[in-house]
Amino acid sequence: MPITEWIGKIKKRTVSADAAGRAFFAQNVTSQEANAFLSAYLDDKRYEELAEAVHCGFINKEYNYSDYLTSRAGALDLDARYFHLLLEIARYAGFNDDKLIPLFAACFSALAGTYLGAWKKTAEAYLLNAAYRDFDRVLNLLTEFDPSYETYVVLMQADKKRTEEVLMERLLQGKNVNKTAIRRLLLQHKINVSHLFGADYKTKDVKTREAIVRLALLYKNDAGAAAFLESVKKTEPLGSIRRLIAGKAVGAAKSAPVVWSVGEFEQMMINGGRFTVQEFRDKLDSDPVFYAIALELFFSVYTQDKLAGIVIVHGGKICDLENNETVLPEHSAVGVLHPLELPNQYEFLKRMSIAQPFCQILRPLFIPNAYETSSNVIFRMGGTVISAGVFRKNLKKFGFKLLYGLRDGAFDRAAVFMGDYACVQEFTPTDFSLKSQIVTLGEARFYHANDFISVHGKLYIEGVPTIRTRDLNPRMFSEFVYTLYQAGNVSLK
């Protein structure tokens, strides 16, 4: 079949990249045909297919199939050879760098295990060499073709000071630029921006002041940035900027009145919330939903912050475990019993068939082991394999939020918040929009919820210190691990 017919099939998407690559490299093509072949993929941004076609076509050029498989195993230099074969074809077709820059940029955001992903290091080396030769030209090309700013790591290597100046200018004065991506890049490279938080802030125009405040919020865990924000909150005349600083912390409690439900009781047990004795009585008397749920639960009574007993609700009264009405001291507090609090003499409750609205008395418990108490990492989920679809569904079900980092398309961390704390589970980079993917879970770490950075609704945790496992409340540790097991689809039996 003539190469022109193959190119027609590529444009119509009626031929696989494998077949197209083999056909292309099996023939002696003209420069015009090579141009048409590359354009069929590049014009529609089908970069992964083009990379696959080059990989498959290479078999015809240098190897037979068995030699290819033998050489491919562990031969890391082959990926670079495929990349340079593409450059060779492009030069033959009359292309210059401008035509290939979008493909180079796509290599930086490609997932591991893909054809483009295998080219990332080679593409980075190629662009870096080009930036050393002509920084301005590469800067202009990347500005035009990479709005995600992922390829700017190349410019950082070529001329860090110049790149910082360009980014700062765009962040403060630029129009129609991805300022969120720029802020993320500044954070990832730990660029010092403290000079922006000086006394001349007041002399800036409104848009510049807002841009500086947003940048300071990104660095809010830095003492200098925190002091600057506190000062601006008091002196900034524009209400919208003051409100930007006073925005709600991640995981902050809702101010709306509580509508009591099974979930609210479970959350109270997890967070260790407590009622005064009078509040508890009033809710039992005035809220029929509260009363109906309370009938099935165990409650802990605290006196001077020490567990003084366990009570239940029976026949409209507060009773001990033998159904005898009990009078609670007025200075006591009442909480939803967590099984970690259960005294040894009441262990028999776990052996009884008690139906409850949520898993309370039979709740699985997790105690940190010696390794965990001596570090800030837990690895209980490490190596767990789960399909991406099921994992994404579980993350939503159990309240996890995906975290942003190196790239927006693929995620590798998710956080779940409980009270003032959060737990971050790591996993292999995953683009949840793609089908039939497998996710492998890794380490998990704990953080203060207020330390998370939110930019336009996207959460980041770069550069934020972790909490030592031994400093975490035992109840909170157990609940976080319980939630990790549920999200990972791991059996608790």
Protein backbone atom coordinates (compact mmCIF):
# COMPACT_ATOMS: atom_id res chain seq x y z
CA MET A 1 0.00 0.00 0.00
CA PRO A 2 1.43 3.45 -0.96
CA ILE A 3 2.45 5.63 1.95
CA THR A 4 -0.13 8.24 0.92
CA GLU A 5 -2.91 5.73 1.63
CA TRP A 6 -1.43 4.99 5.06
CA ILE A 7 -1.35 8.74 5.80
CA GLY A 8 -5.00 8.96 4.80
CA LYS A 9 -5.82 6.18 7.25
CA ILE A 10 -3.88 7.97 10.01
CA LYS A 11 -5.93 11.14 9.47
CA LYS A 12 -9.17 9.15 9.56
CA ARG A 13 -7.99 7.24 12.65
CA THR A 14 -8.63 3.90 10.95
CA VAL A 15 -5.15 2.45 11.49
CA SER A 16 -3.18 1.74 14.66
CA ALA A 17 0.03 3.58 15.44
CA ASP A 18 1.83 0.23 15.42
CA ALA A 19 0.75 -0.59 11.87
CA ALA A 20 1.35 2.95 10.62
CA GLY A 21 4.88 3.01 12.05
CA ARG A 22 5.81 -0.32 10.55
CA ALA A 23 4.47 0.75 7.15
CA PHE A 24 6.27 4.09 7.20
CA PHE A 25 9.67 2.65 8.06
CA ALA A 26 9.30 -0.24 5.62
CA GLN A 27 9.33 2.14 2.64
CA ASN A 28 11.68 4.69 1.15
CA VAL A 29 9.64 7.87 1.57
CA THR A 30 10.16 11.32 0.14
CA SER A 31 10.60 14.38 2.34
CA GLN A 32 7.07 15.48 1.37
CA GLU A 33 5.67 12.11 2.48
CA ALA A 34 7.62 12.31 5.75
CA ASN A 35 6.21 15.78 6.28
CA ALA A 36 2.67 14.55 5.68
CA PHE A 37 3.21 11.54 7.98
CA LEU A 38 4.36 13.69 10.91
CA SER A 39 1.73 16.36 10.28
CA ALA A 40 -1.06 13.78 10.38
CA TYR A 41 -0.21 13.22 14.05
CA LEU A 42 1.12 16.63 15.09
CA ASP A 43 -1.73 18.71 13.69
CA ASP A 44 -4.24 16.85 15.88
CA LYS A 45 -1.88 16.72 18.88
CA ARG A 46 -1.76 12.92 18.75
CA TYR A 47 1.70 12.90 20.31
CA GLU A 48 1.47 9.58 22.11
CA GLU A 49 0.42 7.82 18.89
CA LEU A 50 3.32 9.38 17.00
CA ALA A 51 5.74 8.26 19.68
CA GLU A 52 4.33 4.74 19.49
CA ALA A 53 4.61 4.74 15.70
CA VAL A 54 8.29 5.72 15.95
CA HIS A 55 8.93 3.00 18.54
CA CYS A 56 7.22 0.30 16.48
CA GLY A 57 8.70 1.47 13.23
CA PHE A 58 12.19 1.27 14.67
CA ILE A 59 11.88 -2.52 14.48
CA ASN A 60 11.95 -2.29 10.69
CA LYS A 61 14.86 0.11 10.71
CA GLU A 62 17.40 -1.69 12.92
CA TYR A 63 16.05 -4.93 14.38
CA ASN A 64 13.97 -7.93 13.56
CA TYR A 65 11.25 -8.54 16.15
CA SER A 66 13.10 -11.03 18.37
CA ASP A 67 16.24 -8.87 18.42
CA TYR A 68 14.08 -5.87 19.29
CA LEU A 69 12.59 -7.60 22.33
CA THR A 70 15.99 -8.78 23.52
CA SER A 71 17.58 -5.37 23.11
CA ARG A 72 14.61 -3.48 24.54
CA ALA A 73 14.77 -5.22 27.93
CA GLY A 74 16.76 -2.95 30.22
CA ALA A 75 18.34 -0.97 27.37
CA LEU A 76 17.63 2.55 28.58
CA ASP A 77 19.57 4.15 25.75
CA LEU A 78 16.99 2.94 23.25
CA ASP A 79 14.44 5.55 24.33
CA ALA A 80 16.94 8.26 23.45
CA ARG A 81 17.58 6.59 20.10
CA TYR A 82 13.86 6.58 19.29
CA PHE A 83 13.69 10.26 20.21
CA HIS A 84 16.59 11.13 17.94
CA LEU A 85 15.03 9.08 15.17
CA LEU A 86 12.03 11.39 15.41
CA LEU A 87 14.35 14.40 15.12
CA GLU A 88 16.00 12.81 12.11
CA ILE A 89 12.62 12.34 10.41
CA ALA A 90 11.60 15.90 11.30
CA ARG A 91 14.74 17.37 9.75
CA TYR A 92 14.21 15.25 6.63
CA ALA A 93 10.61 16.51 6.48
CA GLY A 94 11.76 20.13 6.71
CA PHE A 95 10.46 20.78 10.25
CA ASN A 96 12.20 23.03 12.75
CA ASP A 97 11.93 23.07 16.54
CA ASP A 98 8.81 25.24 16.49
CA LYS A 99 6.74 22.37 15.10
CA LEU A 100 7.99 19.87 17.71
CA ILE A 101 7.95 22.04 20.85
CA PRO A 102 4.32 21.04 21.75
CA LEU A 103 5.36 17.37 21.61
CA PHE A 104 8.40 18.09 23.79
CA ALA A 105 6.13 19.82 26.31
CA ALA A 106 3.74 16.85 26.29
CA CYS A 107 6.61 14.59 27.35
CA PHE A 108 6.85 16.47 30.67
CA SER A 109 3.22 15.79 31.62
CA ALA A 110 3.04 12.24 30.21
CA LEU A 111 2.47 9.37 32.62
CA ALA A 112 5.18 6.90 33.49
CA GLY A 113 5.01 3.82 31.30
CA THR A 114 3.82 5.69 28.21
CA TYR A 115 5.86 6.22 25.05
CA LEU A 116 5.98 9.99 25.65
CA GLY A 117 6.88 9.48 29.29
CA ALA A 118 9.95 7.51 28.21
CA TRP A 119 11.11 10.56 26.25
CA LYS A 120 10.93 13.07 29.10
CA LYS A 121 14.62 13.05 30.04
CA THR A 122 15.75 13.19 26.43
CA ALA A 123 13.31 16.00 25.63
CA GLU A 124 14.53 17.91 28.68
CA ALA A 125 18.16 17.50 27.63
CA TYR A 126 17.34 18.64 24.09
CA LEU A 127 15.48 21.75 25.26
CA LEU A 128 18.16 22.58 27.82
CA ASN A 129 20.84 22.48 25.13
CA ALA A 130 18.70 24.73 22.95
CA ALA A 131 18.12 27.15 25.88
CA TYR A 132 21.85 27.45 26.52
CA ARG A 133 22.30 28.42 22.85
CA ASP A 134 19.36 30.85 22.62
CA PHE A 135 17.43 31.43 25.88
CA ASP A 136 15.04 34.03 24.43
CA ARG A 137 13.97 31.79 21.54
CA VAL A 138 13.21 28.80 23.77
CA LEU A 139 11.45 31.07 26.30
CA ASN A 140 9.17 32.42 23.57
CA LEU A 141 8.41 28.95 22.21
CA LEU A 142 7.60 27.52 25.63
CA THR A 143 5.45 30.54 26.47
CA GLU A 144 3.43 29.92 23.33
CA PHE A 145 3.11 26.14 23.53
CA ASP A 146 3.19 25.27 27.24
CA PRO A 147 0.58 27.17 29.32
CA SER A 148 1.09 24.61 32.12
CA TYR A 149 4.67 25.89 32.67
CA GLU A 150 5.88 22.33 33.30
CA THR A 151 8.75 22.67 30.83
CA TYR A 152 10.06 25.76 32.63
CA VAL A 153 12.25 23.47 34.72
CA VAL A 154 14.50 23.62 31.63
CA LEU A 155 14.70 27.41 31.79
CA MET A 156 15.37 27.23 35.52
CA GLN A 157 18.42 25.09 34.78
CA ALA A 158 19.63 27.27 31.91
CA ASP A 159 19.29 30.65 33.71
CA LYS A 160 17.50 30.52 37.08
CA LYS A 161 17.77 34.23 37.85
CA ARG A 162 16.41 35.30 34.45
CA THR A 163 13.59 32.76 34.62
CA GLU A 164 12.58 33.97 38.09
CA GLU A 165 12.44 37.56 36.83
CA VAL A 166 10.24 36.55 33.89
CA LEU A 167 7.90 34.56 36.11
CA MET A 168 7.60 37.34 38.68
CA GLU A 169 6.80 39.89 36.01
CA ARG A 170 4.10 37.67 34.52
CA LEU A 171 2.67 36.87 37.91
CA LEU A 172 2.36 40.51 38.93
CA GLN A 173 1.71 42.23 35.62
CA GLY A 174 0.84 39.56 33.06
CA LYS A 175 -2.49 39.18 31.31
CA ASN A 176 -4.02 35.95 30.00
CA VAL A 177 -1.34 33.83 31.68
CA ASN A 178 -1.76 30.80 33.92
CA LYS A 179 -0.89 32.47 37.23
CA THR A 180 -1.89 29.38 39.21
CA ALA A 181 0.74 27.35 37.31
CA ILE A 182 3.35 30.05 37.90
CA ARG A 183 2.66 30.14 41.64
CA ARG A 184 2.94 26.36 41.77
CA LEU A 185 6.27 26.49 39.91
CA LEU A 186 7.66 29.11 42.31
CA LEU A 187 6.63 26.96 45.26
CA GLN A 188 8.12 23.75 43.87
CA HIS A 189 11.48 25.40 43.23
CA LYS A 190 11.49 27.10 46.66
CA ILE A 191 12.12 30.50 45.11
CA ASN A 192 12.61 33.31 47.63
CA VAL A 193 9.85 35.88 47.13
CA SER A 194 10.25 37.73 50.45
CA HIS A 195 11.29 40.93 48.66
CA LEU A 196 7.70 41.28 47.44
CA PHE A 197 6.42 41.56 51.01
CA GLY A 198 8.13 44.88 51.73
CA ALA A 199 6.93 48.36 52.66
CA ASP A 200 6.38 49.38 49.02
CA TYR A 201 3.36 47.02 48.82
CA LYS A 202 1.07 49.99 49.51
CA THR A 203 2.34 51.84 46.42
CA LYS A 204 1.28 49.05 44.03
CA ASP A 205 -1.90 49.09 41.97
CA VAL A 206 -4.86 46.92 43.01
CA LYS A 207 -4.16 43.97 40.67
CA THR A 208 -0.51 43.84 41.70
CA ARG A 209 -1.41 43.96 45.40
CA GLU A 210 -3.86 41.10 44.93
CA ALA A 211 -1.23 39.07 43.05
CA ILE A 212 1.29 39.64 45.88
CA VAL A 213 -1.26 38.59 48.51
CA ARG A 214 -2.11 35.41 46.60
CA LEU A 215 1.60 34.61 46.41
CA ALA A 216 2.01 35.27 50.14
CA LEU A 217 -0.89 32.90 50.84
CA LEU A 218 1.03 30.25 48.95
CA TYR A 219 3.97 30.83 51.32
CA LYS A 220 1.78 31.30 54.40
CA ASN A 221 3.81 28.76 56.41
CA ASP A 222 6.83 31.05 56.14
CA ALA A 223 7.13 33.42 59.12
CA GLY A 224 7.82 36.45 56.91
CA ALA A 225 4.83 35.81 54.66
CA ALA A 226 2.57 35.16 57.67
CA ALA A 227 3.59 38.46 59.27
CA PHE A 228 3.01 40.30 55.98
CA LEU A 229 -0.50 38.82 55.63
CA GLU A 230 -1.37 39.76 59.20
CA SER A 231 -0.27 43.34 58.53
CA VAL A 232 -2.15 43.59 55.23
CA LYS A 233 -5.31 42.21 56.82
CA LYS A 234 -5.31 45.21 59.15
CA THR A 235 -4.18 47.96 56.76
CA GLU A 236 -5.41 46.96 53.25
CA PRO A 237 -8.21 49.38 52.22
CA LEU A 238 -9.75 47.02 49.65
CA GLY A 239 -12.29 44.63 51.16
CA SER A 240 -11.88 41.94 48.50
CA ILE A 241 -8.18 41.54 49.35
CA ARG A 242 -8.89 41.44 53.09
CA ARG A 243 -11.52 38.75 52.48
CA LEU A 244 -8.98 36.82 50.41
CA ILE A 245 -6.68 36.68 53.44
CA ALA A 246 -9.49 35.84 55.85
CA GLY A 247 -10.73 32.92 53.75
CA LYS A 248 -11.74 29.76 55.59
CA ALA A 249 -9.00 27.29 56.45
CA VAL A 250 -9.00 23.93 54.72
CA GLY A 251 -11.10 21.46 56.67
CA ALA A 252 -12.61 24.20 58.85
CA ALA A 253 -15.87 23.37 60.57
CA LYS A 254 -19.08 24.59 58.94
CA SER A 255 -20.84 27.43 60.67
CA ALA A 256 -24.33 26.26 59.73
CA PRO A 257 -26.47 24.68 62.49
CA VAL A 258 -25.90 20.94 62.88
CA VAL A 259 -28.66 18.73 61.45
CA TRP A 260 -28.22 15.56 63.44
CA SER A 261 -27.75 12.41 61.44
CA VAL A 262 -25.91 9.11 61.75
CA GLY A 263 -22.90 10.73 60.04
CA GLU A 264 -22.81 13.59 62.57
CA PHE A 265 -22.72 11.17 65.50
CA GLU A 266 -19.94 9.16 63.85
CA GLN A 267 -17.97 12.33 63.17
CA MET A 268 -18.36 13.38 66.78
CA MET A 269 -16.96 10.04 67.89
CA ILE A 270 -13.99 10.44 65.51
CA ASN A 271 -13.19 14.02 66.55
CA GLY A 272 -13.81 13.50 70.25
CA GLY A 273 -16.49 16.20 70.45
CA ARG A 274 -18.50 16.55 73.65
CA PHE A 275 -21.80 17.96 74.93
CA THR A 276 -22.42 19.57 78.25
CA VAL A 277 -24.84 17.55 80.34
CA GLN A 278 -27.57 20.15 79.77
CA GLU A 279 -27.00 20.17 75.98
CA PHE A 280 -27.26 16.39 75.88
CA ARG A 281 -30.52 16.37 77.86
CA ASP A 282 -32.04 19.19 75.79
CA LYS A 283 -31.29 17.44 72.49
CA LEU A 284 -32.78 14.17 73.72
CA ASP A 285 -35.96 16.02 74.71
CA SER A 286 -36.30 18.34 71.69
CA ASP A 287 -34.90 16.49 68.67
CA PRO A 288 -36.64 13.19 67.78
CA VAL A 289 -33.98 12.28 65.19
CA PHE A 290 -31.20 12.85 67.74
CA TYR A 291 -33.07 10.70 70.26
CA ALA A 292 -33.73 7.86 67.77
CA ILE A 293 -30.06 7.57 66.82
CA ALA A 294 -28.85 7.95 70.42
CA LEU A 295 -30.92 4.90 71.44
CA GLU A 296 -28.50 2.63 69.55
CA LEU A 297 -25.19 4.11 70.75
CA PHE A 298 -22.87 4.14 73.75
CA PHE A 299 -21.82 7.45 75.31
CA SER A 300 -18.78 8.30 77.42
CA VAL A 301 -19.05 10.54 80.47
CA TYR A 302 -16.08 12.70 81.43
CA THR A 303 -15.36 14.41 84.73
CA GLN A 304 -12.40 16.79 84.73
CA ASP A 305 -11.30 15.30 81.38
CA LYS A 306 -11.18 11.75 82.76
CA LEU A 307 -13.51 8.95 81.72
CA ALA A 308 -16.02 8.53 84.58
CA GLY A 309 -18.38 5.99 83.02
CA ILE A 310 -20.40 4.75 80.07
CA VAL A 311 -24.10 5.45 79.59
CA ILE A 312 -26.87 4.62 77.14
CA VAL A 313 -30.26 6.12 76.34
CA HIS A 314 -33.19 3.88 77.25
CA GLY A 315 -36.89 4.65 77.61
CA GLY A 316 -36.32 8.37 77.36
CA LYS A 317 -33.79 8.32 80.18
CA ILE A 318 -30.01 8.32 80.56
CA CYS A 319 -29.04 4.94 82.02
CA ASP A 320 -26.06 2.83 82.97
CA LEU A 321 -25.31 -0.41 81.12
CA GLU A 322 -27.82 -2.26 83.27
CA ASN A 323 -30.64 0.06 82.17
CA ASN A 324 -30.76 1.83 85.53
CA GLU A 325 -31.37 5.57 85.30
CA THR A 326 -28.29 7.55 86.26
CA VAL A 327 -27.84 11.18 87.19
CA LEU A 328 -24.93 12.90 85.50
CA PRO A 329 -23.02 15.54 87.48
CA GLU A 330 -23.69 19.00 86.06
CA HIS A 331 -20.00 19.69 85.47
CA SER A 332 -19.59 16.51 83.38
CA ALA A 333 -19.28 16.24 79.60
CA VAL A 334 -20.84 13.62 77.32
CA GLY A 335 -19.30 12.28 74.11
CA VAL A 336 -19.96 9.46 71.65
CA LEU A 337 -17.89 6.56 72.97
CA HIS A 338 -14.91 5.54 70.89
CA PRO A 339 -13.92 1.86 71.37
CA LEU A 340 -10.38 2.98 72.23
CA GLU A 341 -11.86 4.42 75.42
CA LEU A 342 -13.61 1.20 76.41
CA PRO A 343 -12.37 0.02 79.84
CA ASN A 344 -11.30 -3.63 80.12
CA GLN A 345 -14.31 -4.54 82.29
CA TYR A 346 -16.59 -3.68 79.37
CA GLU A 347 -14.76 -5.72 76.72
CA PHE A 348 -17.67 -8.18 76.84
CA LEU A 349 -19.70 -5.64 74.81
CA LYS A 350 -17.60 -6.48 71.74
CA ARG A 351 -18.72 -10.12 71.95
CA MET A 352 -22.41 -9.24 71.90
CA SER A 353 -24.51 -9.01 68.74
CA ILE A 354 -25.36 -5.32 68.97
CA ALA A 355 -26.96 -3.61 65.96
CA GLN A 356 -25.81 -0.01 65.61
CA PRO A 357 -26.35 2.73 63.00
CA PHE A 358 -22.61 2.82 62.30
CA CYS A 359 -19.65 0.71 63.36
CA GLN A 360 -19.01 1.91 66.91
CA ILE A 361 -18.41 -0.78 69.51
CA LEU A 362 -17.00 -3.25 66.95
CA ARG A 363 -14.95 -0.61 65.15
CA PRO A 364 -11.48 -1.84 64.05
CA LEU A 365 -8.71 -0.26 66.09
CA PHE A 366 -5.16 0.57 64.96
CA ILE A 367 -2.23 1.27 67.26
CA PRO A 368 1.03 2.73 65.89
CA ASN A 369 3.87 0.21 65.85
CA ALA A 370 7.47 0.86 66.89
CA TYR A 371 8.55 1.94 63.39
CA GLU A 372 5.65 4.37 63.06
CA THR A 373 6.18 6.00 66.44
CA SER A 374 9.83 6.64 65.61
CA SER A 375 9.11 8.29 62.24
CA ASN A 376 6.60 10.49 60.46
CA VAL A 377 5.62 7.87 57.88
CA ILE A 378 3.21 4.94 57.89
CA PHE A 379 3.47 2.27 55.23
CA ARG A 380 0.50 0.02 56.05
CA MET A 381 -1.02 0.50 52.60
CA GLY A 382 2.32 0.26 50.76
CA GLY A 383 2.16 -2.04 47.74
CA THR A 384 -1.64 -2.32 47.76
CA VAL A 385 -2.90 -2.59 44.18
CA ILE A 386 -6.34 -1.31 43.21
CA SER A 387 -8.04 -0.30 39.96
CA ALA A 388 -8.09 3.45 39.34
CA GLY A 389 -11.88 3.49 38.95
CA VAL A 390 -12.54 1.80 42.28
CA PHE A 391 -9.89 3.90 44.02
CA ARG A 392 -11.35 7.17 42.70
CA LYS A 393 -14.83 6.09 43.80
CA ASN A 394 -13.54 5.25 47.28
CA LEU A 395 -11.67 8.55 47.58
CA LYS A 396 -14.91 10.42 46.95
CA LYS A 397 -16.93 8.16 49.23
CA PHE A 398 -14.61 8.59 52.20
CA GLY A 399 -14.01 12.32 51.80
CA PHE A 400 -10.52 12.47 50.28
CA LYS A 401 -9.38 15.47 48.24
CA LEU A 402 -6.87 15.09 45.43
CA LEU A 403 -3.73 17.20 45.82
CA TYR A 404 -2.03 19.05 43.01
CA GLY A 405 1.69 18.93 42.45
CA LEU A 406 4.02 18.39 39.52
CA ARG A 407 1.23 18.23 36.95
CA ASP A 408 -2.51 18.79 36.87
CA GLY A 409 -3.42 15.83 34.65
CA ALA A 410 -2.02 13.10 36.88
CA PHE A 411 -2.39 12.88 40.65
CA ASP A 412 -0.19 11.03 43.10
CA ARG A 413 -1.56 12.11 46.51
CA ALA A 414 -4.91 12.51 48.23
CA ALA A 415 -5.73 13.99 51.64
CA VAL A 416 -8.50 13.22 54.11
CA PHE A 417 -9.28 15.74 56.85
CA MET A 418 -10.41 15.06 60.41
CA GLY A 419 -10.73 18.00 62.77
CA ASP A 420 -7.47 19.95 62.81
CA TYR A 421 -5.48 17.21 61.09
CA ALA A 422 -5.08 15.57 57.71
CA CYS A 423 -3.57 12.37 56.38
CA VAL A 424 -2.02 12.27 52.91
CA GLN A 425 -1.90 8.94 51.06
CA GLU A 426 0.63 8.66 48.22
CA PHE A 427 0.11 6.48 45.14
CA THR A 428 1.54 5.98 41.66
CA PRO A 429 0.85 8.96 39.31
CA THR A 430 -2.62 8.42 37.87
CA ASP A 431 -4.77 10.23 35.33
CA PHE A 432 -8.23 9.24 36.53
CA SER A 433 -9.78 10.22 33.18
CA LEU A 434 -8.09 7.23 31.52
CA LYS A 435 -9.63 3.77 31.66
CA SER A 436 -8.20 0.42 32.76
CA GLN A 437 -5.48 1.81 34.99
CA ILE A 438 -4.00 0.16 38.06
CA VAL A 439 -2.94 2.20 41.09
CA THR A 440 -0.29 1.12 43.61
CA LEU A 441 -0.51 2.75 47.03
CA GLY A 442 2.57 3.98 48.91
CA GLU A 443 3.37 5.87 52.10
CA ALA A 444 1.05 8.05 54.17
CA ARG A 445 1.88 11.09 56.32
CA PHE A 446 0.08 13.40 58.73
CA TYR A 447 -0.22 17.20 58.58
CA HIS A 448 -1.98 20.08 60.30
CA ALA A 449 -5.07 20.92 58.25
CA ASN A 450 -4.37 24.67 58.38
CA ASP A 451 -0.98 24.15 56.72
CA PHE A 452 -2.52 23.13 53.39
CA ILE A 453 -2.27 25.70 50.63
CA SER A 454 -5.35 26.45 48.53
CA VAL A 455 -5.09 28.28 45.21
CA HIS A 456 -8.32 28.67 43.24
CA GLY A 457 -9.77 25.65 44.99
CA LYS A 458 -6.73 23.45 44.29
CA LEU A 459 -4.88 22.05 47.28
CA TYR A 460 -1.10 21.81 47.61
CA ILE A 461 1.18 20.52 50.39
CA GLU A 462 4.67 21.22 48.95
CA GLY A 463 7.22 22.33 51.50
CA VAL A 464 4.92 21.80 54.49
CA PRO A 465 6.36 19.92 57.51
CA THR A 466 4.71 16.69 58.60
CA ILE A 467 3.51 15.75 62.08
CA ARG A 468 5.39 13.04 63.90
CA THR A 469 3.21 9.98 64.22
CA ARG A 470 3.74 9.76 67.98
CA ASP A 471 2.39 13.30 68.39
CA LEU A 472 -0.98 12.38 66.88
CA ASN A 473 -3.94 11.65 69.14
CA PRO A 474 -4.33 7.80 69.35
CA ARG A 475 -8.02 8.06 68.44
CA MET A 476 -7.17 10.17 65.38
CA PHE A 477 -4.39 7.80 64.31
CA SER A 478 -6.75 4.83 64.49
CA GLU A 479 -9.45 6.63 62.51
CA PHE A 480 -7.06 7.81 59.81
CA VAL A 481 -5.69 4.29 59.30
CA TYR A 482 -9.23 2.89 59.28
CA THR A 483 -10.14 5.36 56.52
CA LEU A 484 -7.00 4.50 54.52
CA TYR A 485 -7.95 0.83 54.62
CA GLN A 486 -11.46 1.63 53.41
CA ALA A 487 -10.18 3.81 50.55
CA GLY A 488 -7.73 1.09 49.54
CA ASN A 489 -10.45 -1.58 49.52
CA VAL A 490 -8.47 -3.63 52.06
CA SER A 491 -10.42 -6.17 54.08
CA LEU A 492 -10.60 -5.39 57.80
CA LYS A 493 -11.61 -8.90 58.82
